[in-house]
């Protein structure tokens, strides 16, 4: 995810070898889901823009799950 830290908008890029459903979730540090996106994606490189401007400043966990693979990253929202 970049930029990290972000003042409100972050972009996540990822690639898929074949078409697959994608689940993207953003969690606060208490484990609550604050953003979620579920959608099928074609094979290739993708970029998802997240608007986090309404979230309080803090550290969040971004989890991307697709085709049996899970990636987790920290993302800091600043003001």
Protein backbone atom coordinates (compact mmCIF):
# COMPACT_ATOMS: atom_id res chain seq x y z
CA UNK A 1 0.00 0.00 0.00
CA UNK A 2 1.30 3.43 -0.81
CA UNK A 3 1.72 6.07 0.32
CA UNK A 4 2.28 4.75 3.80
CA UNK A 5 1.68 6.66 6.00
CA UNK A 6 -1.26 8.22 4.18
CA UNK A 7 -3.35 11.30 4.95
CA UNK A 8 -6.46 9.65 3.54
CA UNK A 9 -6.07 7.83 0.23
CA UNK A 10 -3.94 4.75 -0.38
CA UNK A 11 -3.41 2.56 -3.43
CA UNK A 12 -2.93 -1.19 -3.24
CA UNK A 13 -1.44 -3.01 -6.20
CA UNK A 14 -1.41 -6.75 -6.77
CA UNK A 15 -1.19 -9.27 -9.57
CA UNK A 16 -3.20 -12.38 -10.37
CA UNK A 17 -1.99 -15.25 -12.52
CA UNK A 18 -5.59 -16.19 -13.32
CA UNK A 19 -9.05 -14.77 -12.76
CA UNK A 20 -10.17 -15.12 -9.14
CA UNK A 21 -12.42 -13.59 -6.51
CA UNK A 22 -10.64 -10.98 -4.39
CA UNK A 23 -11.49 -10.01 -0.83
CA UNK A 24 -9.89 -6.86 0.53
CA UNK A 25 -10.54 -5.83 4.12
CA UNK A 26 -9.20 -3.05 6.33
CA UNK A 27 -9.26 -3.65 10.09
CA UNK A 28 -8.61 -1.38 13.02
CA UNK A 29 -6.32 -2.66 15.80
CA UNK A 30 -9.34 -3.98 17.73
CA UNK A 31 -10.10 -6.31 14.81
CA UNK A 32 -13.18 -4.45 13.58
CA UNK A 33 -13.72 -4.30 9.83
CA UNK A 34 -13.68 -0.64 8.73
CA UNK A 35 -13.63 -1.17 4.93
CA UNK A 36 -14.37 -4.21 2.77
CA UNK A 37 -14.37 -5.01 -0.93
CA UNK A 38 -15.32 -8.34 -2.48
CA UNK A 39 -15.15 -8.63 -6.25
CA UNK A 40 -14.02 -10.97 -9.00
CA UNK A 41 -10.90 -9.82 -10.88
CA UNK A 42 -9.40 -10.90 -14.18
CA UNK A 43 -5.83 -12.12 -14.51
CA UNK A 44 -3.25 -9.35 -14.59
CA UNK A 45 -2.09 -6.42 -12.48
CA UNK A 46 -4.66 -4.45 -10.49
CA UNK A 47 -4.67 -1.26 -8.42
CA UNK A 48 -7.34 -0.49 -5.85
CA UNK A 49 -7.66 3.02 -4.45
CA UNK A 50 -8.92 3.18 -0.87
CA UNK A 51 -10.48 6.33 0.55
CA UNK A 52 -9.55 6.29 4.23
CA UNK A 53 -10.15 10.00 4.82
CA UNK A 54 -13.07 9.38 7.19
CA UNK A 55 -11.08 7.08 9.46
CA UNK A 56 -9.39 8.40 12.58
CA UNK A 57 -5.62 8.65 12.53
CA UNK A 58 -3.99 5.41 13.57
CA UNK A 59 -2.63 2.07 12.45
CA UNK A 60 -4.78 -0.31 10.41
CA UNK A 61 -4.30 -3.79 8.97
CA UNK A 62 -5.01 -4.39 5.29
CA UNK A 63 -5.72 -8.00 4.33
CA UNK A 64 -5.92 -9.15 0.70
CA UNK A 65 -7.20 -12.68 0.13
CA UNK A 66 -7.39 -14.38 -3.26
CA UNK A 67 -7.09 -17.91 -4.65
CA UNK A 68 -5.81 -19.41 -1.40
CA UNK A 69 -3.24 -16.68 -0.85
CA UNK A 70 -3.39 -14.10 1.93
CA UNK A 71 -1.27 -10.94 2.21
CA UNK A 72 -1.41 -8.71 5.26
CA UNK A 73 0.18 -5.27 5.65
CA UNK A 74 0.06 -2.42 8.15
CA UNK A 75 -1.15 0.96 6.98
CA UNK A 76 -0.91 4.17 8.98
CA UNK A 77 -3.48 6.95 8.54
CA UNK A 78 -2.25 10.41 9.55
CA UNK A 79 -3.91 13.80 9.82
